[in-house]
Amino acid sequence: MPPEKRPKRGLSDADDEDDDYRRRRDRNNEAVKKSRFKSKQRTQETFTRVNKLKAENQMLEEKVKTLTKDLQFLKDLFLEYASNSQNSKRIIF
């Protein structure tokens, strides 16, 4: 059996090439839009995350300051108690 011949659409090869080119350009334009949108979205998410981490870091730095002050207070209290305890023992002996 011989292969079937397709009916001509009435378009020349140049028109087919133009249509193919236009379809490729349209697909590429959509891909570029999608890529740029995703890039902007990632950038926005990064900025949001950076701001969140900065706030968290500031909170943690304040907590470190508070805990450092508490530690110093407890060290001083312990040294004072130890010093008074040694003085008491000297008096007893």
N, C-alpha and C. Protein backbone atom coordinates (compact mmCIF):
# COMPACT_ATOMS: atom_id res chain seq x y z
N MET A 1 0.83 -1.18 0.00
CA MET A 1 0.00 0.00 0.00
C MET A 1 0.88 1.24 0.00
N PRO A 2 0.60 2.13 -0.85
CA PRO A 2 1.39 3.37 -0.86
C PRO A 2 0.97 4.26 0.31
N PRO A 3 1.90 5.07 0.81
CA PRO A 3 1.53 5.96 1.92
C PRO A 3 0.49 6.98 1.48
N GLU A 4 -0.36 7.33 2.45
CA GLU A 4 -1.40 8.31 2.14
C GLU A 4 -0.80 9.68 1.98
N LYS A 5 -1.32 10.39 1.06
CA LYS A 5 -0.86 11.75 0.88
C LYS A 5 -1.75 12.65 1.71
N ARG A 6 -1.11 13.57 2.39
CA ARG A 6 -1.88 14.51 3.19
C ARG A 6 -2.39 15.63 2.30
N PRO A 7 -3.58 16.06 2.58
CA PRO A 7 -4.07 17.19 1.78
C PRO A 7 -3.31 18.46 2.16
N LYS A 8 -3.05 19.27 1.19
CA LYS A 8 -2.33 20.51 1.45
C LYS A 8 -3.28 21.48 2.13
N ARG A 9 -2.71 22.23 3.07
CA ARG A 9 -3.53 23.18 3.81
C ARG A 9 -3.58 24.52 3.10
N GLY A 10 -2.84 24.64 2.08
CA GLY A 10 -2.84 25.91 1.37
C GLY A 10 -1.79 26.86 1.90
N LEU A 11 -0.96 26.39 2.82
CA LEU A 11 0.10 27.23 3.37
C LEU A 11 1.42 26.85 2.74
N SER A 12 2.22 27.79 2.49
CA SER A 12 3.54 27.50 1.93
C SER A 12 4.49 27.09 3.05
N ASP A 13 5.66 26.61 2.69
CA ASP A 13 6.67 26.23 3.68
C ASP A 13 7.06 27.43 4.53
N ALA A 14 7.13 28.59 3.95
CA ALA A 14 7.50 29.80 4.69
C ALA A 14 6.46 30.10 5.76
N ASP A 15 5.19 29.91 5.42
CA ASP A 15 4.13 30.14 6.40
C ASP A 15 4.23 29.13 7.54
N ASP A 16 4.53 27.86 7.20
CA ASP A 16 4.71 26.83 8.23
C ASP A 16 5.86 27.20 9.16
N GLU A 17 6.95 27.65 8.55
CA GLU A 17 8.11 28.03 9.36
C GLU A 17 7.77 29.22 10.25
N ASP A 18 7.02 30.18 9.72
CA ASP A 18 6.62 31.34 10.53
C ASP A 18 5.74 30.91 11.69
N ASP A 19 4.81 29.98 11.42
CA ASP A 19 3.94 29.49 12.49
C ASP A 19 4.75 28.75 13.55
N ASP A 20 5.66 27.89 13.10
CA ASP A 20 6.51 27.17 14.05
C ASP A 20 7.34 28.14 14.88
N TYR A 21 7.90 29.12 14.20
CA TYR A 21 8.71 30.12 14.90
C TYR A 21 7.85 30.86 15.93
N ARG A 22 6.66 31.25 15.54
CA ARG A 22 5.77 31.99 16.45
C ARG A 22 5.41 31.13 17.66
N ARG A 23 5.10 29.85 17.42
CA ARG A 23 4.78 28.95 18.54
C ARG A 23 5.97 28.80 19.48
N ARG A 24 7.16 28.63 18.91
CA ARG A 24 8.36 28.52 19.75
C ARG A 24 8.59 29.79 20.55
N ARG A 25 8.41 30.94 19.89
CA ARG A 25 8.59 32.23 20.59
C ARG A 25 7.57 32.38 21.72
N ASP A 26 6.32 32.01 21.43
CA ASP A 26 5.28 32.11 22.46
C ASP A 26 5.58 31.20 23.64
N ARG A 27 6.00 29.97 23.35
CA ARG A 27 6.36 29.04 24.44
C ARG A 27 7.53 29.57 25.24
N ASN A 28 8.51 30.12 24.53
CA ASN A 28 9.68 30.67 25.21
C ASN A 28 9.29 31.87 26.07
N ASN A 29 8.44 32.73 25.54
CA ASN A 29 7.99 33.89 26.32
C ASN A 29 7.27 33.47 27.59
N GLU A 30 6.44 32.45 27.48
CA GLU A 30 5.75 31.94 28.68
C GLU A 30 6.75 31.34 29.67
N ALA A 31 7.72 30.61 29.16
CA ALA A 31 8.73 30.02 30.04
C ALA A 31 9.53 31.12 30.75
N VAL A 32 9.85 32.17 30.03
CA VAL A 32 10.60 33.29 30.62
C VAL A 32 9.77 33.97 31.71
N LYS A 33 8.48 34.19 31.43
CA LYS A 33 7.60 34.80 32.44
C LYS A 33 7.55 33.95 33.70
N LYS A 34 7.39 32.64 33.49
CA LYS A 34 7.31 31.72 34.61
C LYS A 34 8.62 31.73 35.41
N SER A 35 9.73 31.71 34.71
CA SER A 35 11.04 31.71 35.36
C SER A 35 11.25 33.00 36.15
N ARG A 36 10.90 34.13 35.57
CA ARG A 36 11.07 35.42 36.26
C ARG A 36 10.16 35.51 37.47
N PHE A 37 8.95 34.99 37.34
CA PHE A 37 8.03 35.00 38.48
C PHE A 37 8.59 34.16 39.62
N LYS A 38 9.06 32.96 39.29
CA LYS A 38 9.64 32.10 40.33
C LYS A 38 10.85 32.75 40.97
N SER A 39 11.66 33.41 40.17
CA SER A 39 12.85 34.08 40.70
C SER A 39 12.45 35.19 41.67
N LYS A 40 11.47 35.99 41.29
CA LYS A 40 10.99 37.05 42.18
C LYS A 40 10.41 36.46 43.46
N GLN A 41 9.71 35.36 43.32
CA GLN A 41 9.11 34.70 44.47
C GLN A 41 10.21 34.20 45.42
N ARG A 42 11.24 33.57 44.88
CA ARG A 42 12.35 33.09 45.71
C ARG A 42 13.06 34.26 46.39
N THR A 43 13.24 35.36 45.66
CA THR A 43 13.88 36.53 46.24
C THR A 43 13.05 37.07 47.39
N GLN A 44 11.74 37.15 47.20
CA GLN A 44 10.86 37.64 48.27
C GLN A 44 10.90 36.71 49.47
N GLU A 45 10.87 35.41 49.24
CA GLU A 45 10.94 34.45 50.34
C GLU A 45 12.27 34.59 51.08
N THR A 46 13.34 34.84 50.35
CA THR A 46 14.65 35.02 50.98
C THR A 46 14.65 36.26 51.86
N PHE A 47 14.11 37.38 51.35
CA PHE A 47 14.04 38.60 52.15
C PHE A 47 13.22 38.37 53.41
N THR A 48 12.10 37.69 53.27
CA THR A 48 11.24 37.40 54.42
C THR A 48 11.99 36.56 55.44
N ARG A 49 12.69 35.55 54.97
CA ARG A 49 13.45 34.68 55.87
C ARG A 49 14.58 35.45 56.56
N VAL A 50 15.26 36.31 55.81
CA VAL A 50 16.35 37.12 56.38
C VAL A 50 15.80 38.00 57.50
N ASN A 51 14.67 38.66 57.25
CA ASN A 51 14.09 39.53 58.27
C ASN A 51 13.67 38.74 59.50
N LYS A 52 13.10 37.57 59.28
CA LYS A 52 12.70 36.71 60.40
C LYS A 52 13.92 36.29 61.21
N LEU A 53 14.99 35.89 60.52
CA LEU A 53 16.20 35.45 61.21
C LEU A 53 16.88 36.60 61.94
N LYS A 54 16.82 37.81 61.36
CA LYS A 54 17.39 38.97 62.05
C LYS A 54 16.65 39.23 63.36
N ALA A 55 15.33 39.17 63.31
CA ALA A 55 14.52 39.38 64.52
C ALA A 55 14.82 38.30 65.55
N GLU A 56 14.91 37.07 65.10
CA GLU A 56 15.22 35.96 66.01
C GLU A 56 16.61 36.12 66.61
N ASN A 57 17.56 36.55 65.80
CA ASN A 57 18.92 36.76 66.27
C ASN A 57 18.96 37.86 67.33
N GLN A 58 18.24 38.93 67.10
CA GLN A 58 18.20 40.03 68.07
C GLN A 58 17.62 39.54 69.39
N MET A 59 16.55 38.75 69.31
CA MET A 59 15.93 38.21 70.51
C MET A 59 16.92 37.31 71.26
N LEU A 60 17.63 36.48 70.52
CA LEU A 60 18.60 35.57 71.16
C LEU A 60 19.76 36.34 71.77
N GLU A 61 20.20 37.42 71.13
CA GLU A 61 21.27 38.23 71.70
C GLU A 61 20.83 38.87 73.01
N GLU A 62 19.58 39.32 73.07
CA GLU A 62 19.05 39.88 74.32
C GLU A 62 19.00 38.80 75.41
N LYS A 63 18.62 37.61 75.01
CA LYS A 63 18.56 36.50 75.97
C LYS A 63 19.95 36.18 76.49
N VAL A 64 20.95 36.20 75.61
CA VAL A 64 22.34 35.95 76.02
C VAL A 64 22.78 37.01 77.02
N LYS A 65 22.44 38.27 76.75
CA LYS A 65 22.81 39.35 77.69
C LYS A 65 22.18 39.12 79.06
N THR A 66 20.90 38.77 79.06
CA THR A 66 20.20 38.53 80.32
C THR A 66 20.82 37.36 81.07
N LEU A 67 21.08 36.28 80.37
CA LEU A 67 21.66 35.10 81.01
C LEU A 67 23.08 35.37 81.50
N THR A 68 23.83 36.18 80.76
CA THR A 68 25.18 36.54 81.19
C THR A 68 25.13 37.35 82.48
N LYS A 69 24.18 38.29 82.56
CA LYS A 69 24.01 39.07 83.79
C LYS A 69 23.61 38.16 84.95
N ASP A 70 22.68 37.25 84.69
CA ASP A 70 22.25 36.31 85.74
C ASP A 70 23.42 35.45 86.21
N LEU A 71 24.22 34.98 85.27
CA LEU A 71 25.38 34.16 85.62
C LEU A 71 26.36 34.94 86.48
N GLN A 72 26.63 36.17 86.09
CA GLN A 72 27.57 37.00 86.87
C GLN A 72 27.02 37.24 88.27
N PHE A 73 25.73 37.50 88.38
CA PHE A 73 25.11 37.70 89.69
C PHE A 73 25.28 36.45 90.55
N LEU A 74 25.01 35.29 89.97
CA LEU A 74 25.13 34.04 90.73
C LEU A 74 26.58 33.75 91.11
N LYS A 75 27.53 34.05 90.23
CA LYS A 75 28.94 33.88 90.56
C LYS A 75 29.32 34.77 91.74
N ASP A 76 28.91 36.04 91.66
CA ASP A 76 29.21 36.97 92.75
C ASP A 76 28.58 36.50 94.05
N LEU A 77 27.35 36.03 93.97
CA LEU A 77 26.66 35.54 95.16
C LEU A 77 27.38 34.33 95.74
N PHE A 78 27.80 33.43 94.88
CA PHE A 78 28.52 32.24 95.33
C PHE A 78 29.85 32.63 95.98
N LEU A 79 30.59 33.54 95.35
CA LEU A 79 31.87 33.97 95.92
C LEU A 79 31.66 34.65 97.26
N GLU A 80 30.61 35.45 97.37
CA GLU A 80 30.32 36.12 98.65
C GLU A 80 29.98 35.08 99.71
N TYR A 81 29.18 34.10 99.35
CA TYR A 81 28.81 33.05 100.30
C TYR A 81 30.04 32.25 100.70
N ALA A 82 30.87 31.90 99.72
CA ALA A 82 32.08 31.12 100.01
C ALA A 82 33.01 31.91 100.91
N SER A 83 33.14 33.19 100.64
CA SER A 83 34.00 34.05 101.45
C SER A 83 33.46 34.15 102.87
N ASN A 84 32.17 34.34 103.02
CA ASN A 84 31.56 34.42 104.36
C ASN A 84 31.65 33.08 105.07
N SER A 85 31.53 32.01 104.34
CA SER A 85 31.61 30.68 104.93
C SER A 85 33.01 30.43 105.48
N GLN A 86 34.03 30.83 104.76
CA GLN A 86 35.40 30.66 105.24
C GLN A 86 35.66 31.53 106.46
N ASN A 87 35.14 32.74 106.46
CA ASN A 87 35.31 33.62 107.62
C ASN A 87 34.61 33.04 108.83
N SER A 88 33.47 32.41 108.66
CA SER A 88 32.75 31.80 109.77
C SER A 88 33.55 30.65 110.35
N LYS A 89 34.17 29.86 109.50
CA LYS A 89 34.95 28.72 109.97
C LYS A 89 36.16 29.20 110.76
N ARG A 90 36.74 30.30 110.36
CA ARG A 90 37.91 30.81 111.07
C ARG A 90 37.52 31.25 112.48
N ILE A 91 36.36 31.83 112.58
CA ILE A 91 35.93 32.28 113.90
C ILE A 91 35.68 31.08 114.80
N ILE A 92 35.10 30.03 114.29
CA ILE A 92 34.80 28.85 115.09
C ILE A 92 36.08 28.19 115.57
N PHE A 93 37.05 28.11 114.74
CA PHE A 93 38.28 27.44 115.14
C PHE A 93 39.02 28.33 116.03
